[in-house]
PDB file of all heavy atoms in Angstrom:
ATOM      1  N   VAL A   1      91.237  86.819 104.184  1.00  0.00           N
ATOM      2  CA  VAL A   1      91.529  88.242 104.314  1.00  0.00           C
ATOM      3  C   VAL A   1      90.390  88.956 105.032  1.00  0.00           C
ATOM      4  O   VAL A   1      90.621  89.796 105.913  1.00  0.00           O
ATOM      5  CB  VAL A   1      91.778  88.874 102.929  1.00  0.00           C
ATOM      6  CG1 VAL A   1      91.836  90.398 103.040  1.00  0.00           C
ATOM      7  CG2 VAL A   1      93.072  88.351 102.326  1.00  0.00           C
ATOM      8  N   VAL A   2      89.166  88.622 104.684  1.00  0.00           N
ATOM      9  CA  VAL A   2      88.006  89.236 105.325  1.00  0.00           C
ATOM     10  C   VAL A   2      88.012  88.955 106.826  1.00  0.00           C
ATOM     11  O   VAL A   2      87.769  89.852 107.649  1.00  0.00           O
ATOM     12  CB  VAL A   2      86.699  88.741 104.675  1.00  0.00           C
ATOM     13  CG1 VAL A   2      85.491  89.184 105.494  1.00  0.00           C
ATOM     14  CG2 VAL A   2      86.584  89.262 103.246  1.00  0.00           C
ATOM     15  N   ARG A   3      88.297  87.704 107.204  1.00  0.00           N
ATOM     16  CA  ARG A   3      88.332  87.348 108.626  1.00  0.00           C
ATOM     17  C   ARG A   3      89.468  88.074 109.339  1.00  0.00           C
ATOM     18  O   ARG A   3      89.294  88.555 110.471  1.00  0.00           O
ATOM     19  CB  ARG A   3      88.472  85.835 108.781  1.00  0.00           C
ATOM     20  CG  ARG A   3      87.214  85.058 108.431  1.00  0.00           C
ATOM     21  CD  ARG A   3      87.276  83.632 108.985  1.00  0.00           C
ATOM     22  NE  ARG A   3      88.329  82.844 108.368  1.00  0.00           N
ATOM     23  CZ  ARG A   3      88.134  82.095 107.263  1.00  0.00           C
ATOM     24  NH1 ARG A   3      86.932  82.040 106.681  1.00  0.00           N
ATOM     25  NH2 ARG A   3      89.129  81.396 106.755  1.00  0.00           N
ATOM     26  N   HIS A   4      90.636  88.152 108.700  1.00  0.00           N
ATOM     27  CA  HIS A   4      91.782  88.824 109.317  1.00  0.00           C
ATOM     28  C   HIS A   4      91.491  90.314 109.512  1.00  0.00           C
ATOM     29  O   HIS A   4      91.804  90.888 110.569  1.00  0.00           O
ATOM     30  CB  HIS A   4      93.031  88.642 108.449  1.00  0.00           C
ATOM     31  CG  HIS A   4      94.281  89.195 109.067  1.00  0.00           C
ATOM     32  ND1 HIS A   4      94.647  90.525 108.962  1.00  0.00           N
ATOM     33  CD2 HIS A   4      95.257  88.582 109.798  1.00  0.00           C
ATOM     34  CE1 HIS A   4      95.792  90.717 109.607  1.00  0.00           C
ATOM     35  NE2 HIS A   4      96.190  89.550 110.122  1.00  0.00           N
ATOM     36  N   ARG A   5      90.905  90.926 108.519  1.00  0.00           N
ATOM     37  CA  ARG A   5      90.573  92.351 108.623  1.00  0.00           C
ATOM     38  C   ARG A   5      89.556  92.596 109.735  1.00  0.00           C
ATOM     39  O   ARG A   5      89.693  93.553 110.519  1.00  0.00           O
ATOM     40  CB  ARG A   5      90.037  92.866 107.290  1.00  0.00           C
ATOM     41  CG  ARG A   5      89.669  94.351 107.296  1.00  0.00           C
ATOM     42  CD  ARG A   5      89.298  94.799 105.899  1.00  0.00           C
ATOM     43  NE  ARG A   5      88.950  96.218 105.872  1.00  0.00           N
ATOM     44  CZ  ARG A   5      87.713  96.687 105.940  1.00  0.00           C
ATOM     45  NH1 ARG A   5      86.691  95.837 106.058  1.00  0.00           N
ATOM     46  NH2 ARG A   5      87.474  97.997 105.911  1.00  0.00           N
ATOM     47  N   ALA A   6      88.539  91.752 109.816  1.00  0.00           N
ATOM     48  CA  ALA A   6      87.525  91.922 110.857  1.00  0.00           C
ATOM     49  C   ALA A   6      88.127  91.792 112.256  1.00  0.00           C
ATOM     50  O   ALA A   6      87.723  92.493 113.184  1.00  0.00           O
ATOM     51  CB  ALA A   6      86.408  90.901 110.661  1.00  0.00           C
ATOM     52  N   ALA A   7      89.117  90.901 112.397  1.00  0.00           N
ATOM     53  CA  ALA A   7      89.730  90.666 113.699  1.00  0.00           C
ATOM     54  C   ALA A   7      90.727  91.748 114.089  1.00  0.00           C
ATOM     55  O   ALA A   7      91.026  91.913 115.275  1.00  0.00           O
ATOM     56  CB  ALA A   7      90.429  89.303 113.708  1.00  0.00           C
ATOM     57  N   ASN A   8      91.272  92.496 113.127  1.00  0.00           N
ATOM     58  CA  ASN A   8      92.346  93.457 113.402  1.00  0.00           C
ATOM     59  C   ASN A   8      91.983  94.913 113.111  1.00  0.00           C
ATOM     60  O   ASN A   8      92.770  95.810 113.407  1.00  0.00           O
ATOM     61  CB  ASN A   8      93.593  93.085 112.592  1.00  0.00           C
ATOM     62  CG  ASN A   8      94.216  91.783 113.033  1.00  0.00           C
ATOM     63  OD1 ASN A   8      95.039  91.741 113.958  1.00  0.00           O
ATOM     64  ND2 ASN A   8      93.843  90.693 112.378  1.00  0.00           N
ATOM     65  N   LYS A   9      90.831  95.156 112.522  1.00  0.00           N
ATOM     66  CA  LYS A   9      90.467  96.516 112.124  1.00  0.00           C
ATOM     67  C   LYS A   9      90.430  97.471 113.320  1.00  0.00           C
ATOM     68  O   LYS A   9      90.914  98.601 113.245  1.00  0.00           O
ATOM     69  CB  LYS A   9      89.116  96.514 111.410  1.00  0.00           C
ATOM     70  CG  LYS A   9      88.790  97.794 110.666  1.00  0.00           C
ATOM     71  CD  LYS A   9      87.521  97.601 109.827  1.00  0.00           C
ATOM     72  CE  LYS A   9      87.274  98.804 108.930  1.00  0.00           C
ATOM     73  NZ  LYS A   9      87.003 100.014 109.654  1.00  0.00           N
ATOM     74  N   ALA A  10      89.872  97.019 114.435  1.00  0.00           N
ATOM     75  CA  ALA A  10      89.778  97.873 115.614  1.00  0.00           C
ATOM     76  C   ALA A  10      91.157  98.223 116.162  1.00  0.00           C
ATOM     77  O   ALA A  10      91.407  99.364 116.578  1.00  0.00           O
ATOM     78  CB  ALA A  10      88.930  97.194 116.685  1.00  0.00           C
ATOM     79  N   ALA A  11      92.074  97.235 116.192  1.00  0.00           N
ATOM     80  CA  ALA A  11      93.424  97.492 116.686  1.00  0.00           C
ATOM     81  C   ALA A  11      94.148  98.504 115.807  1.00  0.00           C
ATOM     82  O   ALA A  11      94.871  99.378 116.306  1.00  0.00           O
ATOM     83  CB  ALA A  11      94.209  96.186 116.757  1.00  0.00           C
ATOM     84  N   PHE A  12      93.950  98.417 114.507  1.00  0.00           N
ATOM     85  CA  PHE A  12      94.564  99.378 113.592  1.00  0.00           C
ATOM     86  C   PHE A  12      93.988 100.781 113.828  1.00  0.00           C
ATOM     87  O   PHE A  12      94.718 101.777 113.796  1.00  0.00           O
ATOM     88  CB  PHE A  12      94.352  98.950 112.147  1.00  0.00           C
ATOM     89  CG  PHE A  12      95.357  97.959 111.637  1.00  0.00           C
ATOM     90  CD1 PHE A  12      95.492  96.719 112.238  1.00  0.00           C
ATOM     91  CD2 PHE A  12      96.180  98.261 110.557  1.00  0.00           C
ATOM     92  CE1 PHE A  12      96.433  95.794 111.773  1.00  0.00           C
ATOM     93  CE2 PHE A  12      97.103  97.346 110.081  1.00  0.00           C
ATOM     94  CZ  PHE A  12      97.229  96.115 110.696  1.00  0.00           C
ATOM     95  N   GLU A  13      92.686 100.846 114.080  1.00  0.00           N
ATOM     96  CA  GLU A  13      92.056 102.140 114.309  1.00  0.00           C
ATOM     97  C   GLU A  13      92.595 102.808 115.563  1.00  0.00           C
ATOM     98  O   GLU A  13      92.696 104.038 115.629  1.00  0.00           O
ATOM     99  CB  GLU A  13      90.544 101.974 114.393  1.00  0.00           C
ATOM    100  CG  GLU A  13      89.892 101.667 113.050  1.00  0.00           C
ATOM    101  CD  GLU A  13      88.401 101.430 113.157  1.00  0.00           C
ATOM    102  OE1 GLU A  13      87.905 101.304 114.311  1.00  0.00           O
ATOM    103  OE2 GLU A  13      87.720 101.357 112.105  1.00  0.00           O
ATOM    104  N   ARG A  14      92.944 102.012 116.582  1.00  0.00           N
ATOM    105  CA  ARG A  14      93.536 102.580 117.800  1.00  0.00           C
ATOM    106  C   ARG A  14      94.884 103.214 117.508  1.00  0.00           C
ATOM    107  O   ARG A  14      95.331 104.123 118.221  1.00  0.00           O
ATOM    108  CB  ARG A  14      93.674 101.497 118.874  1.00  0.00           C
ATOM    109  CG  ARG A  14      92.342 101.082 119.488  1.00  0.00           C
ATOM    110  CD  ARG A  14      92.546 100.265 120.750  1.00  0.00           C
ATOM    111  NE  ARG A  14      93.135  98.962 120.473  1.00  0.00           N
ATOM    112  CZ  ARG A  14      92.400  97.866 120.222  1.00  0.00           C
ATOM    113  NH1 ARG A  14      91.063  97.937 120.213  1.00  0.00           N
ATOM    114  NH2 ARG A  14      93.010  96.707 119.985  1.00  0.00           N
ATOM    115  N   ASP A  15      95.544 102.745 116.440  1.00  0.00           N
ATOM    116  CA  ASP A  15      96.797 103.350 115.995  1.00  0.00           C
ATOM    117  C   ASP A  15      96.565 104.468 114.989  1.00  0.00           C
ATOM    118  O   ASP A  15      97.518 104.984 114.400  1.00  0.00           O
ATOM    119  CB  ASP A  15      97.711 102.296 115.377  1.00  0.00           C
ATOM    120  CG  ASP A  15      98.323 101.358 116.420  1.00  0.00           C
ATOM    121  OD1 ASP A  15      98.541 101.841 117.557  1.00  0.00           O
ATOM    122  OD2 ASP A  15      98.564 100.188 116.107  1.00  0.00           O
ATOM    123  N   GLY A  16      95.296 104.818 114.782  1.00  0.00           N
ATOM    124  CA  GLY A  16      94.972 105.891 113.852  1.00  0.00           C
ATOM    125  C   GLY A  16      95.036 105.495 112.396  1.00  0.00           C
ATOM    126  O   GLY A  16      95.195 106.361 111.518  1.00  0.00           O
ATOM    127  N   VAL A  17      94.893 104.194 112.096  1.00  0.00           N
ATOM    128  CA  VAL A  17      95.026 103.697 110.725  1.00  0.00           C
ATOM    129  C   VAL A  17      93.747 102.978 110.311  1.00  0.00           C
ATOM    130  O   VAL A  17      93.243 102.117 111.033  1.00  0.00           O
ATOM    131  CB  VAL A  17      96.228 102.735 110.589  1.00  0.00           C
ATOM    132  CG1 VAL A  17      96.306 102.176 109.170  1.00  0.00           C
ATOM    133  CG2 VAL A  17      97.518 103.446 110.950  1.00  0.00           C
ATOM    134  N   ASN A  18      93.244 103.316 109.139  1.00  0.00           N
ATOM    135  CA  ASN A  18      92.103 102.631 108.556  1.00  0.00           C
ATOM    136  C   ASN A  18      92.617 101.446 107.740  1.00  0.00           C
ATOM    137  O   ASN A  18      93.309 101.629 106.741  1.00  0.00           O
ATOM    138  CB  ASN A  18      91.300 103.584 107.677  1.00  0.00           C
ATOM    139  CG  ASN A  18      90.099 102.906 107.036  1.00  0.00           C
ATOM    140  OD1 ASN A  18      89.590 101.906 107.542  1.00  0.00           O
ATOM    141  ND2 ASN A  18      89.650 103.427 105.905  1.00  0.00           N
ATOM    142  N   LEU A  19      92.292 100.238 108.184  1.00  0.00           N
ATOM    143  CA  LEU A  19      92.764  99.026 107.513  1.00  0.00           C
ATOM    144  C   LEU A  19      91.849  98.722 106.334  1.00  0.00           C
ATOM    145  O   LEU A  19      90.763  98.157 106.509  1.00  0.00           O
ATOM    146  CB  LEU A  19      92.812  97.851 108.488  1.00  0.00           C
ATOM    147  CG  LEU A  19      93.278  96.505 107.919  1.00  0.00           C
ATOM    148  CD1 LEU A  19      94.667  96.609 107.299  1.00  0.00           C
ATOM    149  CD2 LEU A  19      93.241  95.423 109.004  1.00  0.00           C
ATOM    150  N   THR A  20      92.281  99.065 105.146  1.00  0.00           N
ATOM    151  CA  THR A  20      91.505  98.816 103.933  1.00  0.00           C
ATOM    152  C   THR A  20      91.999  97.542 103.255  1.00  0.00           C
ATOM    153  O   THR A  20      93.098  97.056 103.512  1.00  0.00           O
ATOM    154  CB  THR A  20      91.624  99.993 102.952  1.00  0.00           C
ATOM    155  OG1 THR A  20      92.999 100.101 102.512  1.00  0.00           O
ATOM    156  CG2 THR A  20      91.221 101.297 103.614  1.00  0.00           C
ATOM    157  N   PHE A  21      91.168  97.011 102.359  1.00  0.00           N
ATOM    158  CA  PHE A  21      91.585  95.838 101.594  1.00  0.00           C
ATOM    159  C   PHE A  21      92.769  96.151 100.687  1.00  0.00           C
ATOM    160  O   PHE A  21      93.540  95.250 100.336  1.00  0.00           O
ATOM    161  CB  PHE A  21      90.418  95.301 100.772  1.00  0.00           C
ATOM    162  CG  PHE A  21      89.369  94.599 101.583  1.00  0.00           C
ATOM    163  CD1 PHE A  21      88.115  95.166 101.751  1.00  0.00           C
ATOM    164  CD2 PHE A  21      89.634  93.381 102.185  1.00  0.00           C
ATOM    165  CE1 PHE A  21      87.142  94.528 102.507  1.00  0.00           C
ATOM    166  CE2 PHE A  21      88.663  92.729 102.942  1.00  0.00           C
ATOM    167  CZ  PHE A  21      87.418  93.309 103.111  1.00  0.00           C
ATOM    168  N   THR A  22      92.923  97.416 100.323  1.00  0.00           N
ATOM    169  CA  THR A  22      94.035  97.802  99.460  1.00  0.00           C
ATOM    170  C   THR A  22      95.375  97.440 100.082  1.00  0.00           C
ATOM    171  O   THR A  22      96.319  97.055  99.385  1.00  0.00           O
ATOM    172  CB  THR A  22      93.985  99.310  99.153  1.00  0.00           C
ATOM    173  OG1 THR A  22      92.745  99.633  98.521  1.00  0.00           O
ATOM    174  CG2 THR A  22      95.117  99.720  98.220  1.00  0.00           C
ATOM    175  N   ALA A  23      95.476  97.531 101.407  1.00  0.00           N
ATOM    176  CA  ALA A  23      96.725  97.176 102.079  1.00  0.00           C
ATOM    177  C   ALA A  23      97.060  95.702 101.865  1.00  0.00           C
ATOM    178  O   ALA A  23      98.227  95.331 101.696  1.00  0.00           O
ATOM    179  CB  ALA A  23      96.621  97.494 103.567  1.00  0.00           C
ATOM    180  N   TYR A  24      96.043  94.840 101.873  1.00  0.00           N
ATOM    181  CA  TYR A  24      96.269  93.413 101.620  1.00  0.00           C
ATOM    182  C   TYR A  24      96.699  93.182 100.168  1.00  0.00           C
ATOM    183  O   TYR A  24      97.592  92.362  99.904  1.00  0.00           O
ATOM    184  CB  TYR A  24      94.991  92.626 101.923  1.00  0.00           C
ATOM    185  CG  TYR A  24      94.617  92.602 103.389  1.00  0.00           C
ATOM    186  CD1 TYR A  24      93.759  93.567 103.916  1.00  0.00           C
ATOM    187  CD2 TYR A  24      95.112  91.629 104.238  1.00  0.00           C
ATOM    188  CE1 TYR A  24      93.400  93.558 105.251  1.00  0.00           C
ATOM    189  CE2 TYR A  24      94.754  91.597 105.587  1.00  0.00           C
ATOM    190  CZ  TYR A  24      93.904  92.573 106.082  1.00  0.00           C
ATOM    191  OH  TYR A  24      93.548  92.549 107.420  1.00  0.00           O
ATOM    192  N   PHE A  25      96.069  93.886  99.242  1.00  0.00           N
ATOM    193  CA  PHE A  25      96.441  93.737  97.836  1.00  0.00           C
ATOM    194  C   PHE A  25      97.891  94.166  97.618  1.00  0.00           C
ATOM    195  O   PHE A  25      98.641  93.507  96.892  1.00  0.00           O
ATOM    196  CB  PHE A  25      95.508  94.563  96.954  1.00  0.00           C
ATOM    197  CG  PHE A  25      94.051  94.182  97.064  1.00  0.00           C
ATOM    198  CD1 PHE A  25      93.058  95.159  97.019  1.00  0.00           C
ATOM    199  CD2 PHE A  25      93.682  92.867  97.204  1.00  0.00           C
ATOM    200  CE1 PHE A  25      91.720  94.814  97.132  1.00  0.00           C
ATOM    201  CE2 PHE A  25      92.334  92.510  97.309  1.00  0.00           C
ATOM    202  CZ  PHE A  25      91.362  93.489  97.278  1.00  0.00           C
ATOM    203  N   MET A  26      98.279  95.265  98.238  1.00  0.00           N
ATOM    204  CA  MET A  26      99.653  95.750  98.114  1.00  0.00           C
ATOM    205  C   MET A  26     100.637  94.715  98.646  1.00  0.00           C
ATOM    206  O   MET A  26     101.663  94.421  98.019  1.00  0.00           O
ATOM    207  CB  MET A  26      99.821  97.068  98.879  1.00  0.00           C
ATOM    208  CG  MET A  26      99.208  98.279  98.219  1.00  0.00           C
ATOM    209  SD  MET A  26     100.242  98.837  96.842  1.00  0.00           S
ATOM    210  CE  MET A  26      99.323 100.323  96.373  1.00  0.00           C
ATOM    211  N   THR A  27     100.324  94.156  99.801  1.00  0.00           N
ATOM    212  CA  THR A  27     101.209  93.165 100.410  1.00  0.00           C
ATOM    213  C   THR A  27     101.312  91.912  99.551  1.00  0.00           C
ATOM    214  O   THR A  27     102.391  91.317  99.410  1.00  0.00           O
ATOM    215  CB  THR A  27     100.712  92.816 101.818  1.00  0.00           C
ATOM    216  OG1 THR A  27     100.597  94.021 102.607  1.00  0.00           O
ATOM    217  CG2 THR A  27     101.678  91.874 102.516  1.00  0.00           C
ATOM    218  N   ALA A  28     100.204  91.497  98.960  1.00  0.00           N
ATOM    219  CA  ALA A  28     100.220  90.333  98.068  1.00  0.00           C
ATOM    220  C   ALA A  28     101.034  90.616  96.810  1.00  0.00           C
ATOM    221  O   ALA A  28     101.748  89.733  96.305  1.00  0.00           O
ATOM    222  CB  ALA A  28      98.790  89.942  97.707  1.00  0.00           C
ATOM    223  N   ILE A  29     100.945  91.827  96.280  1.00  0.00           N
ATOM    224  CA  ILE A  29     101.748  92.207  95.113  1.00  0.00           C
ATOM    225  C   ILE A  29     103.234  92.144  95.446  1.00  0.00           C
ATOM    226  O   ILE A  29     104.042  91.658  94.648  1.00  0.00           O
ATOM    227  CB  ILE A  29     101.356  93.610  94.621  1.00  0.00           C
ATOM    228  CG1 ILE A  29      99.977  93.576  93.982  1.00  0.00           C
ATOM    229  CG2 ILE A  29     102.385  94.142  93.615  1.00  0.00           C
ATOM    230  CD1 ILE A  29      99.429  94.950  93.640  1.00  0.00           C
ATOM    231  N   VAL A  30     103.608  92.636  96.633  1.00  0.00           N
ATOM    232  CA  VAL A  30     105.003  92.566  97.058  1.00  0.00           C
ATOM    233  C   VAL A  30     105.494  91.123  97.046  1.00  0.00           C
ATOM    234  O   VAL A  30     106.597  90.819  96.573  1.00  0.00           O
ATOM    235  CB  VAL A  30     105.181  93.195  98.455  1.00  0.00           C
ATOM    236  CG1 VAL A  30     106.561  92.870  99.015  1.00  0.00           C
ATOM    237  CG2 VAL A  30     104.993  94.703  98.393  1.00  0.00           C
ATOM    238  N   ALA A  31     104.671  90.206  97.570  1.00  0.00           N
ATOM    239  CA  ALA A  31     105.044  88.792  97.577  1.00  0.00           C
ATOM    240  C   ALA A  31     105.261  88.278  96.161  1.00  0.00           C
ATOM    241  O   ALA A  31     106.207  87.526  95.883  1.00  0.00           O
ATOM    242  CB  ALA A  31     103.970  87.974  98.293  1.00  0.00           C
ATOM    243  N   GLY A  32     104.381  88.682  95.230  1.00  0.00           N
ATOM    244  CA  GLY A  32     104.521  88.261  93.839  1.00  0.00           C
ATOM    245  C   GLY A  32     105.762  88.816  93.181  1.00  0.00           C
ATOM    246  O   GLY A  32     106.460  88.118  92.438  1.00  0.00           O
ATOM    247  N   LEU A  33     106.071  90.086  93.443  1.00  0.00           N
ATOM    248  CA  LEU A  33     107.239  90.719  92.845  1.00  0.00           C
ATOM    249  C   LEU A  33     108.535  90.141  93.401  1.00  0.00           C
ATOM    250  O   LEU A  33     109.534  90.019  92.681  1.00  0.00           O
ATOM    251  CB  LEU A  33     107.197  92.237  93.068  1.00  0.00           C
ATOM    252  CG  LEU A  33     106.039  92.992  92.397  1.00  0.00           C
ATOM    253  CD1 LEU A  33     106.091  94.475  92.745  1.00  0.00           C
ATOM    254  CD2 LEU A  33     106.057  92.795  90.893  1.00  0.00           C
ATOM    255  N   LYS A  34     108.534  89.780  94.677  1.00  0.00           N
ATOM    256  CA  LYS A  34     109.714  89.141  95.263  1.00  0.00           C
ATOM    257  C   LYS A  34     109.959  87.766  94.645  1.00  0.00           C
ATOM    258  O   LYS A  34     111.097  87.380  94.381  1.00  0.00           O
ATOM    259  CB  LYS A  34     109.548  89.010  96.777  1.00  0.00           C
ATOM    260  CG  LYS A  34     109.765  90.296  97.556  1.00  0.00           C
ATOM    261  CD  LYS A  34     109.659  90.026  99.050  1.00  0.00           C
ATOM    262  CE  LYS A  34     110.015  91.235  99.885  1.00  0.00           C
ATOM    263  NZ  LYS A  34     109.918  90.946 101.354  1.00  0.00           N
ATOM    264  N   ALA A  35     108.876  87.033  94.419  1.00  0.00           N
ATOM    265  CA  ALA A  35     108.999  85.690  93.861  1.00  0.00           C
ATOM    266  C   ALA A  35     109.379  85.716  92.384  1.00  0.00           C
ATOM    267  O   ALA A  35     110.096  84.825  91.901  1.00  0.00           O
ATOM    268  CB  ALA A  35     107.697  84.921  94.064  1.00  0.00           C
ATOM    269  N   PHE A  36     108.948  86.749  91.656  1.00  0.00           N
ATOM    270  CA  PHE A  36     109.203  86.845  90.215  1.00  0.00           C
ATOM    271  C   PHE A  36     109.699  88.248  89.878  1.00  0.00           C
ATOM    272  O   PHE A  36     108.919  89.116  89.449  1.00  0.00           O
ATOM    273  CB  PHE A  36     107.940  86.492  89.434  1.00  0.00           C
ATOM    274  CG  PHE A  36     107.417  85.120  89.730  1.00  0.00           C
ATOM    275  CD1 PHE A  36     106.387  84.936  90.641  1.00  0.00           C
ATOM    276  CD2 PHE A  36     107.985  84.006  89.147  1.00  0.00           C
ATOM    277  CE1 PHE A  36     105.917  83.664  90.946  1.00  0.00           C
ATOM    278  CE2 PHE A  36     107.530  82.728  89.435  1.00  0.00           C
ATOM    279  CZ  PHE A  36     106.505  82.557  90.343  1.00  0.00           C
TER     280      PHE A  36
END
């Protein structure tokens, strides 16, 4: 996750979005809720 964020943070900022770790946690929770 750290590597992915470092590689994509600038691209997200160009779209006016701050890529926080919270977004990854939310996405992982969605995966868990879908599975169970």
